[in-house]
Protein backbone atom coordinates (compact mmCIF):
# COMPACT_ATOMS: atom_id res chain seq x y z
CA MET A 1 7.91 25.37 47.48
CA THR A 2 5.55 23.04 46.42
CA LYS A 3 3.47 21.03 49.07
CA GLU A 4 4.92 18.35 48.40
CA GLU A 5 8.61 19.90 49.87
CA LEU A 6 6.41 21.81 53.01
CA SER A 7 5.55 18.03 53.81
CA ARG A 8 8.66 17.09 53.41
CA TYR A 9 10.53 19.59 55.34
CA GLU A 10 8.08 18.73 58.07
CA ILE A 11 8.83 15.76 58.19
CA ILE A 12 12.10 16.16 58.52
CA ASN A 13 12.04 18.51 60.90
CA ASP A 14 10.30 15.75 63.07
CA LEU A 15 13.31 13.43 62.29
CA ILE A 16 15.95 16.30 63.48
CA ALA A 17 14.05 16.61 66.27
CA GLY A 18 13.38 12.99 67.53
CA LYS A 19 9.90 12.49 67.40
CA ILE A 20 10.59 10.06 64.53
CA ASN A 21 13.39 7.09 63.18
CA GLY A 22 15.00 7.23 59.82
CA THR A 23 12.65 4.34 58.83
CA ASP A 24 9.08 6.03 60.13
CA ALA A 25 10.46 9.23 58.05
CA SER A 26 10.96 6.83 55.13
CA LYS A 27 7.51 5.28 54.81
CA GLN A 28 6.28 9.07 55.39
CA ILE A 29 7.81 10.32 52.48
CA GLY A 30 7.78 6.89 50.48
CA VAL A 31 11.59 7.18 49.55
CA SER A 32 14.53 4.71 51.09
CA VAL A 33 16.24 5.04 54.36
CA ARG A 34 19.48 6.57 52.14
CA HIS A 35 18.00 9.35 50.77
CA ILE A 36 15.93 10.13 54.16
CA LYS A 37 19.74 10.74 55.63
CA ARG A 38 20.32 13.15 51.94
CA LEU A 39 17.00 15.07 52.98
CA LYS A 40 18.49 15.56 56.60
CA SER A 41 21.56 16.71 55.60
CA LYS A 42 20.79 19.07 53.38
CA VAL A 43 18.15 20.86 55.78
CA ASP A 44 21.43 20.73 58.25
CA LYS A 45 23.04 22.51 55.89
CA ASN A 46 20.77 25.11 54.24
CA GLY A 47 17.10 24.70 55.74
CA ALA A 48 13.89 24.68 53.81
CA GLU A 49 15.84 25.59 50.51
CA GLY A 50 17.97 22.54 50.96
CA LEU A 51 14.96 20.88 49.78
CA ILE A 52 14.63 22.47 46.43
CA HIS A 53 15.77 20.87 43.32
CA LYS A 54 18.69 22.67 42.11
CA ASN A 55 17.54 23.19 38.74
CA ARG A 56 14.02 24.96 39.29
CA GLY A 57 14.07 27.91 37.64
CA LYS A 58 16.88 26.73 34.78
CA SER A 59 16.28 25.82 31.54
CA SER A 60 16.88 22.28 30.77
CA ASN A 61 19.79 20.84 29.32
CA ARG A 62 17.45 18.79 26.21
CA LYS A 63 15.57 22.15 25.39
CA LEU A 64 15.37 21.75 22.06
CA ASP A 65 16.80 24.47 19.34
CA PRO A 66 14.64 27.39 18.71
CA GLU A 67 15.51 27.45 14.96
CA ILE A 68 15.40 23.73 14.80
CA VAL A 69 12.12 23.89 16.19
CA LYS A 70 11.10 27.02 13.69
CA LYS A 71 12.29 24.77 10.71
CA ALA A 72 10.16 21.60 12.23
CA GLU A 73 7.08 23.54 12.30
CA LYS A 74 7.83 25.26 9.14
CA TYR A 75 8.17 21.67 7.02
CA LEU A 76 5.34 20.17 8.70
CA LYS A 77 2.93 22.94 7.54
CA GLU A 78 4.66 23.49 4.28
CA LYS A 79 5.19 19.31 3.24
CA TYR A 80 4.07 16.71 5.78
CA TYR A 81 0.58 18.27 7.18
CA PHE A 82 -0.81 14.72 5.41
CA CYS A 83 1.54 12.37 7.84
CA LYS A 84 0.87 10.99 11.28
CA PRO A 85 3.38 12.30 13.48
CA THR A 86 5.69 9.04 13.57
CA PHE A 87 5.85 9.01 10.09
CA ALA A 88 6.86 13.06 10.06
CA SER A 89 9.48 12.37 12.48
CA GLU A 90 10.75 9.79 10.03
CA LYS A 91 10.71 12.43 7.08
CA LEU A 92 12.13 15.38 9.45
CA LYS A 93 15.42 12.97 9.91
CA GLU A 94 15.71 11.32 6.46
CA ASN A 95 15.23 14.40 3.73
CA HIS A 96 16.15 17.19 6.32
CA ASP A 97 18.35 15.70 8.91
CA ILE A 98 16.47 17.29 12.12
CA LYS A 99 16.32 14.75 14.99
CA LEU A 100 12.90 15.19 17.26
CA GLY A 101 11.31 12.23 19.07
CA LYS A 102 8.21 11.24 17.26
CA GLU A 103 6.21 12.28 21.03
CA THR A 104 7.53 15.68 20.34
CA VAL A 105 6.38 15.66 16.13
CA ARG A 106 3.05 15.05 18.22
CA ILE A 107 3.02 17.32 20.52
CA MET A 108 4.59 20.37 17.85
CA MET A 109 1.35 18.97 15.13
CA THR A 110 -0.88 18.96 18.04
CA ASP A 111 -0.60 22.94 18.73
CA LEU A 112 -0.43 23.64 15.10
CA LYS A 113 -4.02 21.82 14.81
CA LEU A 114 -2.13 19.35 12.12
CA TRP A 115 -3.03 16.15 14.64
CA LYS A 116 -5.92 15.70 16.95
CA PRO A 117 -5.21 12.51 19.58
CA LYS A 118 -7.91 9.96 19.01
CA SER A 119 -9.01 8.32 22.71
CA ARG A 120 -8.54 4.31 22.22
CA LYS A 121 -11.82 1.87 21.88
CA LYS A 122 -11.70 -1.47 23.71
CA SER A 123 -13.32 -3.93 21.42
CA GLY A 124 -16.04 -6.00 22.76
CA LYS A 125 -14.46 -9.01 21.54
CA TRP A 126 -11.41 -11.44 22.47
CA HIS A 127 -8.95 -13.02 19.71
CA VAL A 128 -7.07 -16.24 20.66
CA TRP A 129 -3.26 -14.39 19.80
CA ARG A 130 -1.64 -17.54 17.81
CA ALA A 131 2.32 -17.58 18.14
CA ARG A 132 4.16 -16.88 15.03
CA LYS A 133 5.54 -19.74 12.56
CA ASP A 134 9.00 -20.68 13.79
CA ASN A 135 10.75 -20.25 10.53
CA PHE A 136 11.10 -18.11 7.36
CA GLY A 137 8.30 -19.71 4.26
CA GLU A 138 6.42 -22.28 6.64
CA MET A 139 3.59 -19.57 5.73
CA GLN A 140 2.56 -16.58 3.80
CA GLN A 141 -0.41 -14.43 4.90
CA PHE A 142 -2.01 -13.13 1.88
CA ASP A 143 -4.36 -10.55 1.41
CA GLY A 144 -5.52 -8.26 -1.42
CA SER A 145 -6.36 -4.04 -0.19
CA TYR A 146 -8.72 -2.16 -2.41
CA HIS A 147 -7.61 1.92 -1.25
CA ILE A 148 -6.86 5.06 -3.42
CA TRP A 149 -2.89 4.29 -3.29
CA PHE A 150 -2.23 6.64 -5.94
CA GLY A 151 -3.77 9.39 -8.25
CA ASP A 152 -7.53 9.57 -7.67
CA GLU A 153 -8.81 5.75 -8.69
CA GLU A 154 -9.21 2.86 -6.62
CA SER A 155 -6.33 -0.05 -6.85
CA CYS A 156 -5.53 -3.03 -5.26
CA LEU A 157 -2.41 -3.89 -3.47
CA LEU A 158 -1.61 -7.59 -3.41
CA LEU A 159 0.69 -8.41 -0.31
CA SER A 160 2.38 -11.45 0.62
CA VAL A 161 3.59 -11.76 4.72
CA ASP A 162 5.98 -13.71 6.42
CA ASP A 163 4.06 -15.44 9.21
CA ALA A 164 7.56 -16.05 10.96
CA THR A 165 9.12 -12.78 10.29
CA GLY A 166 6.84 -10.54 9.96
CA LYS A 167 8.92 -9.55 6.32
CA ILE A 168 6.85 -8.45 3.18
CA THR A 169 8.45 -11.59 1.15
CA HIS A 170 5.98 -9.80 -2.35
CA ALA A 171 4.40 -6.99 -3.30
CA LYS A 172 2.61 -5.92 -6.41
CA PHE A 173 -0.02 -3.56 -7.50
CA ASP A 174 -3.03 -4.17 -9.97
CA ILE A 175 -6.85 -3.45 -10.98
CA ASN A 176 -8.18 -5.47 -9.24
CA GLU A 177 -7.90 -9.45 -7.04
CA SER A 178 -8.93 -11.67 -10.17
CA THR A 179 -7.57 -15.07 -10.17
CA ILE A 180 -5.27 -14.28 -13.34
CA ALA A 181 -4.13 -11.08 -11.05
CA VAL A 182 -3.12 -13.76 -8.37
CA PHE A 183 -1.46 -15.90 -10.75
CA LYS A 184 0.65 -13.23 -12.12
CA PHE A 185 1.03 -12.45 -8.58
CA TRP A 186 2.69 -16.12 -7.35
CA LEU A 187 4.41 -17.19 -10.16
CA GLU A 188 6.49 -14.31 -9.51
CA TYR A 189 6.36 -14.89 -5.86
CA PHE A 190 7.79 -17.93 -6.68
CA ALA A 191 10.41 -17.41 -9.13
CA LYS A 192 11.89 -15.32 -6.37
CA ASN A 193 11.63 -16.90 -3.31
CA GLY A 194 10.51 -20.80 -3.93
CA LEU A 195 7.36 -22.58 -2.87
CA PRO A 196 5.75 -21.71 0.55
CA LEU A 197 4.39 -24.88 2.64
CA SER A 198 0.99 -22.88 3.09
CA ILE A 199 -0.22 -19.78 2.41
CA TYR A 200 -3.25 -18.49 4.93
CA LEU A 201 -5.90 -16.00 2.82
CA ASP A 202 -9.55 -15.00 3.31
CA LYS A 203 -12.65 -16.58 1.73
CA PHE A 204 -12.74 -14.12 -0.93
CA SER A 205 -14.35 -15.55 -4.17
CA THR A 206 -10.69 -15.95 -5.95
CA TYR A 207 -9.45 -18.17 -3.88
CA LYS A 208 -12.93 -20.43 -1.92
CA ILE A 209 -16.20 -21.70 -3.03
CA ASN A 210 -18.45 -20.58 -0.44
CA HIS A 211 -21.66 -22.16 -1.29
CA LYS A 212 -23.14 -23.93 1.12
CA ASN A 213 -23.18 -27.03 -1.27
CA ALA A 214 -19.51 -26.80 -1.37
CA VAL A 215 -18.79 -28.32 2.53
CA ASP A 216 -20.11 -31.52 1.54
CA ASN A 217 -18.39 -31.65 -2.19
CA LYS A 218 -15.15 -31.68 -1.97
CA ASN A 219 -14.84 -31.66 -6.05
CA MET A 220 -16.00 -28.12 -5.97
CA ILE A 221 -12.33 -25.69 -6.10
CA THR A 222 -11.64 -22.68 -7.59
CA GLN A 223 -8.81 -22.16 -10.28
CA PHE A 224 -6.38 -20.73 -7.00
CA GLU A 225 -7.06 -24.00 -5.15
CA ARG A 226 -6.85 -26.54 -8.22
CA ALA A 227 -3.47 -24.58 -9.00
CA MET A 228 -1.94 -24.49 -5.39
CA ASN A 229 -2.76 -28.13 -4.77
CA GLN A 230 -0.92 -28.98 -8.51
CA VAL A 231 2.27 -27.52 -7.22
CA GLY A 232 2.32 -28.81 -3.40
CA VAL A 233 1.30 -25.82 -1.57
CA ASN A 234 -1.12 -25.86 0.83
CA PRO A 235 -3.52 -23.24 0.73
CA ILE A 236 -5.65 -22.45 4.29
CA THR A 237 -8.66 -20.06 4.37
CA ALA A 238 -9.11 -18.09 7.96
CA HIS A 239 -12.55 -17.60 8.90
CA SER A 240 -11.64 -14.43 10.46
CA PRO A 241 -9.66 -10.92 9.36
CA GLN A 242 -7.91 -11.50 13.05
CA ALA A 243 -6.46 -14.83 12.14
CA LYS A 244 -4.41 -13.87 9.46
CA GLY A 245 -4.09 -10.56 11.65
CA ARG A 246 -0.48 -9.91 11.11
CA VAL A 247 -1.20 -9.18 6.96
CA GLU A 248 -4.00 -7.14 8.30
CA ARG A 249 -2.01 -5.51 10.21
CA MET A 250 0.26 -4.62 7.29
CA ASN A 251 -2.08 -3.17 5.26
CA GLU A 252 -3.75 -0.66 7.88
CA THR A 253 0.57 0.42 8.39
CA LEU A 254 0.93 0.80 4.51
CA GLN A 255 -2.33 2.37 3.76
CA ASP A 256 -0.73 5.20 6.20
CA ARG A 257 2.93 5.33 4.92
CA LEU A 258 3.02 4.07 1.94
CA VAL A 259 0.37 5.89 0.96
CA LYS A 260 2.53 9.32 1.45
CA GLU A 261 5.62 7.98 0.16
CA LEU A 262 3.95 7.25 -3.19
CA ARG A 263 2.72 11.28 -2.90
CA LEU A 264 6.06 12.25 -1.95
CA ALA A 265 7.23 10.54 -4.70
CA GLY A 266 4.72 12.04 -7.13
CA ILE A 267 3.84 8.40 -8.57
CA THR A 268 0.22 8.24 -10.49
CA ASN A 269 0.09 4.85 -12.30
CA ILE A 270 0.50 1.76 -11.38
CA LYS A 271 3.90 0.84 -13.44
CA GLU A 272 5.90 3.58 -11.62
CA ALA A 273 3.98 2.34 -8.27
CA ASN A 274 5.32 -1.21 -8.85
CA GLU A 275 8.88 0.09 -9.71
CA PHE A 276 8.97 2.30 -6.25
CA LEU A 277 7.73 -0.91 -4.70
CA GLU A 278 10.88 -2.94 -5.38
CA LYS A 279 13.21 -0.01 -3.56
CA TYR A 280 10.66 0.37 -0.89
CA ILE A 281 9.89 -3.06 0.36
CA PRO A 282 13.69 -3.65 1.24
CA LYS A 283 13.58 -0.79 3.39
CA PHE A 284 10.45 -1.24 5.30
CA ASN A 285 11.36 -4.61 6.31
CA ALA A 286 14.67 -3.08 7.44
CA LYS A 287 12.55 -1.43 9.84
CA PHE A 288 9.67 -3.83 10.54
CA ALA A 289 10.42 -7.33 9.93
CA VAL A 290 11.13 -9.78 13.10
CA VAL A 291 14.10 -12.42 13.41
CA PRO A 292 12.70 -15.77 13.55
CA LYS A 293 12.92 -18.78 16.27
CA ARG A 294 14.91 -20.53 13.54
CA LYS A 295 17.26 -19.30 11.01
CA SER A 296 15.98 -22.16 8.41
CA ASP A 297 14.54 -21.17 4.83
CA LEU A 298 11.51 -23.58 4.59
CA HIS A 299 10.87 -23.23 1.03
CA LYS A 300 11.10 -25.87 -1.79
CA THR A 301 12.51 -24.98 -5.04
CA ILE A 302 10.09 -25.79 -7.76
CA GLY A 303 10.79 -29.41 -9.58
CA LYS A 304 12.14 -29.55 -13.29
CA GLN A 305 8.57 -31.33 -14.40
CA ILE A 306 6.84 -29.03 -11.89
CA LYS A 307 8.38 -25.84 -13.59
CA GLU A 308 7.79 -26.97 -17.22
CA LYS A 309 4.71 -26.96 -16.74
CA LEU A 310 3.86 -23.84 -14.66
CA PRO A 311 2.49 -22.34 -17.63
CA GLN A 312 -0.56 -24.90 -17.87
CA ILE A 313 -1.20 -25.16 -13.99
CA PHE A 314 -1.56 -21.32 -13.73
CA SER A 315 -4.16 -21.06 -16.26
CA ILE A 316 -8.00 -20.74 -16.40
CA GLN A 317 -9.14 -24.30 -17.12
CA ASN A 318 -12.93 -24.76 -17.96
CA GLN A 319 -14.58 -28.18 -19.47
CA ARG A 320 -16.04 -28.85 -22.70
CA LYS A 321 -17.60 -31.34 -24.98
CA VAL A 322 -16.52 -32.35 -28.10
CA ASN A 323 -19.42 -32.05 -30.41
CA ASN A 324 -20.43 -34.33 -33.69
CA ASP A 325 -18.48 -32.44 -35.96
CA TYR A 326 -15.35 -32.39 -34.17
CA THR A 327 -15.65 -28.47 -33.04
CA ILE A 328 -15.79 -27.47 -29.65
CA MET A 329 -17.61 -24.15 -28.73
CA PHE A 330 -15.91 -22.17 -26.14
CA LYS A 331 -16.47 -18.06 -25.19
CA THR A 332 -19.04 -17.83 -28.85
CA ASN A 333 -15.86 -19.11 -30.86
CA PHE A 334 -16.14 -22.18 -32.42
CA LEU A 335 -12.74 -24.13 -33.03
CA GLN A 336 -12.07 -26.79 -35.08
CA LEU A 337 -10.49 -29.74 -34.31
CA ASP A 338 -7.82 -30.76 -36.95
CA ARG A 339 -8.08 -34.18 -38.70
CA GLU A 340 -4.73 -34.99 -37.30
CA GLN A 341 -4.27 -35.13 -33.59
CA THR A 342 -1.70 -36.13 -31.22
CA THR A 343 -4.09 -38.68 -29.23
CA THR A 344 -7.19 -40.35 -30.46
CA VAL A 345 -10.36 -38.06 -29.98
CA TYR A 346 -13.47 -39.05 -29.99
CA LYS A 347 -16.86 -37.18 -29.78
CA LYS A 348 -18.55 -36.44 -26.82
CA ASP A 349 -14.68 -36.64 -25.22
CA THR A 350 -14.46 -33.59 -22.20
CA VAL A 351 -11.51 -31.35 -23.03
CA ILE A 352 -9.93 -28.95 -21.26
CA VAL A 353 -9.63 -25.82 -22.68
CA GLU A 354 -6.80 -23.51 -21.09
CA GLU A 355 -6.83 -19.78 -21.19
CA HIS A 356 -2.95 -18.84 -20.36
CA LEU A 357 -1.74 -15.87 -18.80
CA ASP A 358 -0.55 -14.36 -22.61
CA GLU A 359 -4.11 -14.87 -23.64
CA THR A 360 -3.28 -17.87 -26.01
CA ILE A 361 -5.80 -20.57 -25.88
CA LYS A 362 -5.06 -24.49 -25.87
CA LEU A 363 -6.65 -27.66 -25.92
CA ARG A 364 -5.96 -30.13 -23.69
CA LEU A 365 -7.23 -34.22 -23.70
CA ARG A 366 -5.51 -36.95 -21.83
CA ASP A 367 -2.48 -34.23 -21.05
CA ASN A 368 -1.93 -34.26 -24.93
CA HIS A 369 -2.74 -30.26 -26.56
CA LEU A 370 -4.84 -30.89 -29.86
CA ASN A 371 -4.20 -28.99 -32.59
CA TYR A 372 -7.15 -26.75 -33.91
CA LYS A 373 -8.39 -23.56 -35.60
CA THR A 374 -10.79 -20.92 -34.72
CA LEU A 375 -13.39 -21.03 -37.58
CA PRO A 376 -14.80 -17.66 -38.53
CA GLU A 377 -18.26 -18.09 -38.20
CA ARG A 378 -20.58 -21.00 -36.66
CA PRO A 379 -20.21 -24.37 -38.68
CA LYS A 380 -23.40 -25.43 -40.63
CA LYS A 381 -24.77 -28.54 -39.80
CA GLU A 382 -24.45 -30.18 -43.07
CA ILE A 383 -20.50 -30.01 -42.40
CA ASN A 384 -21.12 -32.92 -39.25
CA ILE A 385 -18.18 -35.47 -40.31
CA LYS A 386 -18.53 -38.76 -40.37
CA LEU A 387 -15.60 -39.85 -39.12
CA PRO A 388 -15.29 -42.32 -36.12
CA ALA A 389 -12.73 -41.11 -34.35
CA LEU A 390 -9.51 -38.47 -34.93
CA THR A 391 -6.06 -40.06 -34.80
CA LYS A 392 -2.72 -39.42 -35.07
CA GLN A 393 -2.40 -40.26 -38.80
CA ARG A 394 -4.77 -39.62 -41.52
CA GLN A 395 -6.54 -42.40 -42.81
CA ASN A 396 -5.92 -44.15 -46.39
CA LEU A 397 -9.42 -45.01 -47.60
CA THR A 398 -8.38 -45.63 -51.19
CA TYR A 399 -6.05 -48.83 -49.77
CA LYS A 400 -7.06 -52.08 -51.54
CA PRO A 401 -5.25 -55.19 -49.75
CA PRO A 402 -3.09 -57.44 -52.50
CA ALA A 403 -4.87 -60.91 -53.85
CA ASP A 404 -2.83 -63.27 -51.45
CA HIS A 405 -3.32 -61.26 -48.36
CA PRO A 406 -4.66 -63.07 -45.68
CA TRP A 407 -7.50 -61.42 -45.32
CA ARG A 408 -8.30 -61.93 -49.41
CA LYS A 409 -7.91 -66.14 -48.85
CA GLN A 410 -11.25 -67.21 -47.81
CA PHE A 411 -12.98 -65.74 -50.81
CA LEU A 412 -9.83 -67.02 -52.97
CA PHE A 413 -10.83 -70.07 -51.31
CA ASP A 414 -14.87 -69.82 -52.02
CA LYS A 415 -14.23 -68.95 -55.66
CA ILE A 416 -12.55 -72.23 -56.01
CA LYS A 417 -15.27 -74.44 -54.70
CA ILE A 418 -17.85 -73.06 -56.42
CA ASN A 419 -16.14 -73.06 -60.08
CA GLN A 420 -15.17 -77.16 -59.36
CA PRO A 421 -17.49 -78.63 -57.70
CA ASN A 422 -15.48 -82.18 -56.66
CA PHE A 423 -12.61 -80.00 -55.64
CA ALA A 424 -13.37 -81.44 -52.18
CA LYS A 425 -13.14 -84.95 -53.47
CA LYS A 426 -9.89 -84.52 -55.58
CA ILE A 427 -8.37 -82.83 -52.15
CA ASN A 428 -9.47 -86.50 -50.19
């Protein structure tokens, strides 16, 4: 018998002897009065052995089959040695039909020296918890995560997570978190889901100008902010990683799970990884997404006018001046404007140079795209065009007005007065 059972036996004996009542015995042992009555009847019937549990010395009904344990240990050592216990238990069930709890697998991996339990460290910082948004599409948390996702080289996972549901709305691998990569990501997102009301992201240079002067000058915005403002999406920058904690935590989860999935699938390049994401994300969302407070989808449909201008909006735009010879210098190239244009172009006009995602370059002035050609070399100073402006039609310099044209009548009248001195008297 254990010490606890011996202590109980002494208390039950006092109860039987009438030294204490059932209420006192229940307080001493810490059980209900009804259970005290059960213990008393067992002691009356079987003595001290009545307090010993009947299953003592017997195998548990939930004892694992030794053959299943042997198979699980084999797979853990050979195939899933790099996985964490929770993920390993899921893979055992999914690929080998071995159903073991995550804590059971944790104990097995600890015994096999495949897993070392970590002590939790308490953070000194305290952050206020922010409630989720009510509706799907109300806010997207967005981030780029640099990690060795596959192969030997580092790549970037661009990820958007819906704040209300915790659902991955879009994910894509790219080499970096540049403006072009982010533009391509959000164009694909808009085509699939529509326009969200807002995007919550960090202060990376692609999304926010962090110079101190940008605080006072609101005109200093990034290409990303300009594009989002034009399509009607509100970009919100977070002041700490914890503020957009859902996407940060999602990146940690994917750095554990997705890396192992890609490794098990034998994926080594970005193209294959993006194809794998299309099948992986629905399964991931089915497991981890939550139900929002409201069932509305607040994504806005893209209007026809905005849809036609999306290539223009999501292009890298810079300002350049028109030179005296009607050329524009851009990235060491000289762009010569044609004589015929869709709008009037003057010297020193400010032109918007658009670098589209398909690598084409367009020149825009007052919402009109200009005609131009790229010069093979730097233009010479002698070719300075003396035209005051480039117009819609080519000027006809050989045109002469007829003799009866109103503009020439005054000269004809002057000739008559010179040749006929008494002309004025005759008229009078």
